[in-house]
PDB file of N, CA and C in Angstrom:
ATOM      1  N   MET A   1     -14.838  -8.283  31.823  1.00  0.00           N
ATOM      2  CA  MET A   1     -13.396  -8.248  31.684  1.00  0.00           C
ATOM      3  C   MET A   1     -13.006  -8.813  30.316  1.00  0.00           C
ATOM      4  N   VAL A   2     -12.052  -8.156  29.680  1.00  0.00           N
ATOM      5  CA  VAL A   2     -11.612  -8.574  28.353  1.00  0.00           C
ATOM      6  C   VAL A   2     -10.150  -8.989  28.420  1.00  0.00           C
ATOM      7  N   ASP A   3      -9.863 -10.170  27.889  1.00  0.00           N
ATOM      8  CA  ASP A   3      -8.484 -10.644  27.837  1.00  0.00           C
ATOM      9  C   ASP A   3      -7.763  -9.985  26.676  1.00  0.00           C
ATOM     10  N   PRO A   4      -6.431  -9.927  26.728  1.00  0.00           N
ATOM     11  CA  PRO A   4      -5.668  -9.399  25.587  1.00  0.00           C
ATOM     12  C   PRO A   4      -5.916 -10.265  24.346  1.00  0.00           C
ATOM     13  N   VAL A   5      -5.842  -9.647  23.188  1.00  0.00           N
ATOM     14  CA  VAL A   5      -6.034 -10.417  21.961  1.00  0.00           C
ATOM     15  C   VAL A   5      -4.867 -11.376  21.781  1.00  0.00           C
ATOM     16  N   PRO A   6      -5.078 -12.487  21.077  1.00  0.00           N
ATOM     17  CA  PRO A   6      -4.008 -13.465  20.865  1.00  0.00           C
ATOM     18  C   PRO A   6      -2.840 -12.849  20.094  1.00  0.00           C
ATOM     19  N   PRO A   7      -1.633 -13.387  20.278  1.00  0.00           N
ATOM     20  CA  PRO A   7      -0.478 -12.884  19.525  1.00  0.00           C
ATOM     21  C   PRO A   7      -0.730 -12.938  18.019  1.00  0.00           C
ATOM     22  N   GLY A   8      -0.427 -11.868  17.334  1.00  0.00           N
ATOM     23  CA  GLY A   8      -0.589 -11.815  15.887  1.00  0.00           C
ATOM     24  C   GLY A   8      -1.979 -11.467  15.402  1.00  0.00           C
ATOM     25  N   ALA A   9      -2.938 -11.360  16.309  1.00  0.00           N
ATOM     26  CA  ALA A   9      -4.315 -11.115  15.887  1.00  0.00           C
ATOM     27  C   ALA A   9      -4.475  -9.795  15.156  1.00  0.00           C
ATOM     28  N   LEU A  10      -3.899  -8.730  15.682  1.00  0.00           N
ATOM     29  CA  LEU A  10      -4.100  -7.418  15.070  1.00  0.00           C
ATOM     30  C   LEU A  10      -3.292  -7.218  13.795  1.00  0.00           C
ATOM     31  N   THR A  11      -2.358  -8.108  13.497  1.00  0.00           N
ATOM     32  CA  THR A  11      -1.598  -8.024  12.246  1.00  0.00           C
ATOM     33  C   THR A  11      -2.037  -9.094  11.254  1.00  0.00           C
ATOM     34  N   SER A  12      -3.111  -9.802  11.564  1.00  0.00           N
ATOM     35  CA  SER A  12      -3.586 -10.887  10.712  1.00  0.00           C
ATOM     36  C   SER A  12      -4.360 -10.360   9.501  1.00  0.00           C
ATOM     37  N   ARG A  13      -4.577 -11.239   8.522  1.00  0.00           N
ATOM     38  CA  ARG A  13      -5.403 -10.875   7.368  1.00  0.00           C
ATOM     39  C   ARG A  13      -6.824 -10.558   7.816  1.00  0.00           C
ATOM     40  N   ALA A  14      -7.310 -11.281   8.819  1.00  0.00           N
ATOM     41  CA  ALA A  14      -8.669 -11.034   9.319  1.00  0.00           C
ATOM     42  C   ALA A  14      -8.794  -9.632   9.892  1.00  0.00           C
ATOM     43  N   ALA A  15      -7.789  -9.177  10.615  1.00  0.00           N
ATOM     44  CA  ALA A  15      -7.824  -7.833  11.193  1.00  0.00           C
ATOM     45  C   ALA A  15      -7.743  -6.771  10.111  1.00  0.00           C
ATOM     46  N   ALA A  16      -6.976  -7.027   9.064  1.00  0.00           N
ATOM     47  CA  ALA A  16      -6.788  -6.045   7.995  1.00  0.00           C
ATOM     48  C   ALA A  16      -8.000  -5.942   7.076  1.00  0.00           C
ATOM     49  N   SER A  17      -8.826  -6.970   7.034  1.00  0.00           N
ATOM     50  CA  SER A  17      -9.964  -6.993   6.132  1.00  0.00           C
ATOM     51  C   SER A  17     -11.034  -5.979   6.541  1.00  0.00           C
ATOM     52  N   THR A  18     -11.658  -5.376   5.545  1.00  0.00           N
ATOM     53  CA  THR A  18     -12.763  -4.449   5.803  1.00  0.00           C
ATOM     54  C   THR A  18     -14.114  -5.138   5.582  1.00  0.00           C
ATOM     55  N   GLY A  19     -14.094  -6.446   5.417  1.00  0.00           N
ATOM     56  CA  GLY A  19     -15.313  -7.172   5.094  1.00  0.00           C
ATOM     57  C   GLY A  19     -16.092  -7.703   6.283  1.00  0.00           C
ATOM     58  N   TYR A  20     -15.845  -7.192   7.475  1.00  0.00           N
ATOM     59  CA  TYR A  20     -16.539  -7.697   8.662  1.00  0.00           C
ATOM     60  C   TYR A  20     -17.267  -6.573   9.370  1.00  0.00           C
ATOM     61  N   ASP A  21     -18.393  -6.919  10.031  1.00  0.00           N
ATOM     62  CA  ASP A  21     -19.221  -5.923  10.718  1.00  0.00           C
ATOM     63  C   ASP A  21     -18.547  -5.378  11.982  1.00  0.00           C
ATOM     64  N   ILE A  22     -17.795  -6.202  12.686  1.00  0.00           N
ATOM     65  CA  ILE A  22     -17.172  -5.779  13.937  1.00  0.00           C
ATOM     66  C   ILE A  22     -15.760  -5.283  13.645  1.00  0.00           C
ATOM     67  N   PRO A  23     -15.427  -4.042  14.026  1.00  0.00           N
ATOM     68  CA  PRO A  23     -14.074  -3.530  13.801  1.00  0.00           C
ATOM     69  C   PRO A  23     -13.028  -4.366  14.537  1.00  0.00           C
ATOM     70  N   ALA A  24     -11.823  -4.431  14.001  1.00  0.00           N
ATOM     71  CA  ALA A  24     -10.756  -5.225  14.617  1.00  0.00           C
ATOM     72  C   ALA A  24     -10.519  -4.793  16.060  1.00  0.00           C
ATOM     73  N   GLU A  25     -10.631  -3.488  16.341  1.00  0.00           N
ATOM     74  CA  GLU A  25     -10.375  -2.989  17.693  1.00  0.00           C
ATOM     75  C   GLU A  25     -11.389  -3.531  18.700  1.00  0.00           C
ATOM     76  N   GLU A  26     -12.559  -3.950  18.219  1.00  0.00           N
ATOM     77  CA  GLU A  26     -13.618  -4.439  19.106  1.00  0.00           C
ATOM     78  C   GLU A  26     -13.764  -5.958  19.068  1.00  0.00           C
ATOM     79  N   CYS A  27     -13.000  -6.622  18.227  1.00  0.00           N
ATOM     80  CA  CYS A  27     -13.145  -8.069  18.067  1.00  0.00           C
ATOM     81  C   CYS A  27     -12.335  -8.809  19.128  1.00  0.00           C
ATOM     82  N   CYS A  28     -12.898  -9.889  19.653  1.00  0.00           N
ATOM     83  CA  CYS A  28     -12.196 -10.674  20.666  1.00  0.00           C
ATOM     84  C   CYS A  28     -11.266 -11.715  20.019  1.00  0.00           C
ATOM     85  N   PHE A  29     -11.420 -11.980  18.730  1.00  0.00           N
ATOM     86  CA  PHE A  29     -10.597 -12.945  17.988  1.00  0.00           C
ATOM     87  C   PHE A  29     -10.663 -14.361  18.566  1.00  0.00           C
ATOM     88  N   THR A  30     -11.772 -14.703  19.206  1.00  0.00           N
ATOM     89  CA  THR A  30     -11.907 -16.054  19.763  1.00  0.00           C
ATOM     90  C   THR A  30     -12.813 -16.935  18.928  1.00  0.00           C
ATOM     91  N   GLY A  31     -13.388 -16.396  17.871  1.00  0.00           N
ATOM     92  CA  GLY A  31     -14.295 -17.178  17.044  1.00  0.00           C
ATOM     93  C   GLY A  31     -15.753 -16.875  17.321  1.00  0.00           C
ATOM     94  N   CYS A  32     -16.015 -15.865  18.159  1.00  0.00           N
ATOM     95  CA  CYS A  32     -17.403 -15.532  18.487  1.00  0.00           C
ATOM     96  C   CYS A  32     -18.060 -14.684  17.403  1.00  0.00           C
ATOM     97  N   CYS A  33     -17.282 -14.204  16.426  1.00  0.00           N
ATOM     98  CA  CYS A  33     -17.837 -13.428  15.315  1.00  0.00           C
ATOM     99  C   CYS A  33     -17.126 -13.862  14.033  1.00  0.00           C
ATOM    100  N   ASP A  34     -17.585 -13.381  12.898  1.00  0.00           N
ATOM    101  CA  ASP A  34     -16.993 -13.799  11.625  1.00  0.00           C
ATOM    102  C   ASP A  34     -15.516 -13.434  11.530  1.00  0.00           C
ATOM    103  N   ARG A  35     -15.133 -12.265  12.040  1.00  0.00           N
ATOM    104  CA  ARG A  35     -13.725 -11.869  11.994  1.00  0.00           C
ATOM    105  C   ARG A  35     -12.892 -12.818  12.869  1.00  0.00           C
ATOM    106  N   GLY A  36     -13.400 -13.154  14.039  1.00  0.00           N
ATOM    107  CA  GLY A  36     -12.700 -14.090  14.920  1.00  0.00           C
ATOM    108  C   GLY A  36     -12.578 -15.474  14.296  1.00  0.00           C
ATOM    109  N   LYS A  37     -13.637 -15.922  13.622  1.00  0.00           N
ATOM    110  CA  LYS A  37     -13.594 -17.217  12.935  1.00  0.00           C
ATOM    111  C   LYS A  37     -12.544 -17.190  11.832  1.00  0.00           C
ATOM    112  N   ALA A  38     -12.478 -16.094  11.081  1.00  0.00           N
ATOM    113  CA  ALA A  38     -11.482 -15.973  10.013  1.00  0.00           C
ATOM    114  C   ALA A  38     -10.073 -16.023  10.589  1.00  0.00           C
ATOM    115  N   PHE A  39      -9.856 -15.367  11.738  1.00  0.00           N
ATOM    116  CA  PHE A  39      -8.547 -15.393  12.373  1.00  0.00           C
ATOM    117  C   PHE A  39      -8.184 -16.818  12.801  1.00  0.00           C
ATOM    118  N   LEU A  40      -9.128 -17.526  13.413  1.00  0.00           N
ATOM    119  CA  LEU A  40      -8.845 -18.896  13.855  1.00  0.00           C
ATOM    120  C   LEU A  40      -8.542 -19.808  12.670  1.00  0.00           C
ATOM    121  N   LEU A  41      -9.290 -19.661  11.584  1.00  0.00           N
ATOM    122  CA  LEU A  41      -9.019 -20.462  10.389  1.00  0.00           C
ATOM    123  C   LEU A  41      -7.648 -20.125   9.810  1.00  0.00           C
ATOM    124  N   GLU A  42      -7.289 -18.842   9.854  1.00  0.00           N
ATOM    125  CA  GLU A  42      -5.969 -18.406   9.389  1.00  0.00           C
ATOM    126  C   GLU A  42      -4.866 -19.082  10.212  1.00  0.00           C
ATOM    127  N   GLN A  43      -5.078 -19.180  11.526  1.00  0.00           N
ATOM    128  CA  GLN A  43      -4.092 -19.813  12.395  1.00  0.00           C
ATOM    129  C   GLN A  43      -3.975 -21.307  12.108  1.00  0.00           C
ATOM    130  N   LEU A  44      -5.093 -21.946  11.800  1.00  0.00           N
ATOM    131  CA  LEU A  44      -5.078 -23.382  11.496  1.00  0.00           C
ATOM    132  C   LEU A  44      -4.369 -23.674  10.180  1.00  0.00           C
ATOM    133  N   ASP A  45      -4.367 -22.707   9.260  1.00  0.00           N
ATOM    134  CA  ASP A  45      -3.709 -22.885   7.966  1.00  0.00           C
ATOM    135  C   ASP A  45      -2.197 -22.722   8.039  1.00  0.00           C
ATOM    136  N   ARG A  46      -1.698 -22.158   9.138  1.00  0.00           N
ATOM    137  CA  ARG A  46      -0.257 -21.933   9.286  1.00  0.00           C
ATOM    138  C   ARG A  46       0.458 -23.256   9.529  1.00  0.00           C
ATOM    139  N   PRO A  47       1.658 -23.414   8.973  1.00  0.00           N
ATOM    140  CA  PRO A  47       2.424 -24.635   9.259  1.00  0.00           C
ATOM    141  C   PRO A  47       2.823 -24.657  10.733  1.00  0.00           C
ATOM    142  N   PRO A  48       2.934 -25.836  11.324  1.00  0.00           N
ATOM    143  CA  PRO A  48       3.320 -25.909  12.731  1.00  0.00           C
ATOM    144  C   PRO A  48       4.707 -25.325  12.961  1.00  0.00           C
ATOM    145  N   GLU A  49       4.886 -24.700  14.123  1.00  0.00           N
ATOM    146  CA  GLU A  49       6.192 -24.139  14.465  1.00  0.00           C
ATOM    147  C   GLU A  49       7.104 -25.256  14.955  1.00  0.00           C
ATOM    148  N   LYS A  50       8.400 -25.054  14.821  1.00  0.00           N
ATOM    149  CA  LYS A  50       9.368 -26.068  15.229  1.00  0.00           C
ATOM    150  C   LYS A  50       9.266 -26.407  16.704  1.00  0.00           C
ATOM    151  N   ASP A  51       8.933 -25.405  17.527  1.00  0.00           N
ATOM    152  CA  ASP A  51       8.858 -25.630  18.980  1.00  0.00           C
ATOM    153  C   ASP A  51       7.608 -26.383  19.408  1.00  0.00           C
ATOM    154  N   HIS A  52       6.619 -26.433  18.515  1.00  0.00           N
ATOM    155  CA  HIS A  52       5.346 -27.076  18.872  1.00  0.00           C
ATOM    156  C   HIS A  52       4.937 -28.085  17.796  1.00  0.00           C
ATOM    157  N   PRO A  53       5.640 -29.203  17.708  1.00  0.00           N
ATOM    158  CA  PRO A  53       5.277 -30.194  16.678  1.00  0.00           C
ATOM    159  C   PRO A  53       3.894 -30.790  16.960  1.00  0.00           C
ATOM    160  N   GLN A  54       3.205 -31.105  15.876  1.00  0.00           N
ATOM    161  CA  GLN A  54       1.874 -31.689  16.036  1.00  0.00           C
ATOM    162  C   GLN A  54       1.886 -33.144  15.650  1.00  0.00           C
TER     163      GLN A  54
END
């Protein structure tokens, strides 16, 4: 069973990049592959949202 991809995953820089072996359509975006790791790092670089202060 496959869960839906995280919000924003398919519009991320990681999804748009052609530098990964696994196509965006097949990536789980959880960090289990290089594309997923890039997506997670991209999310960590984002400033915190007002609704979710850190």
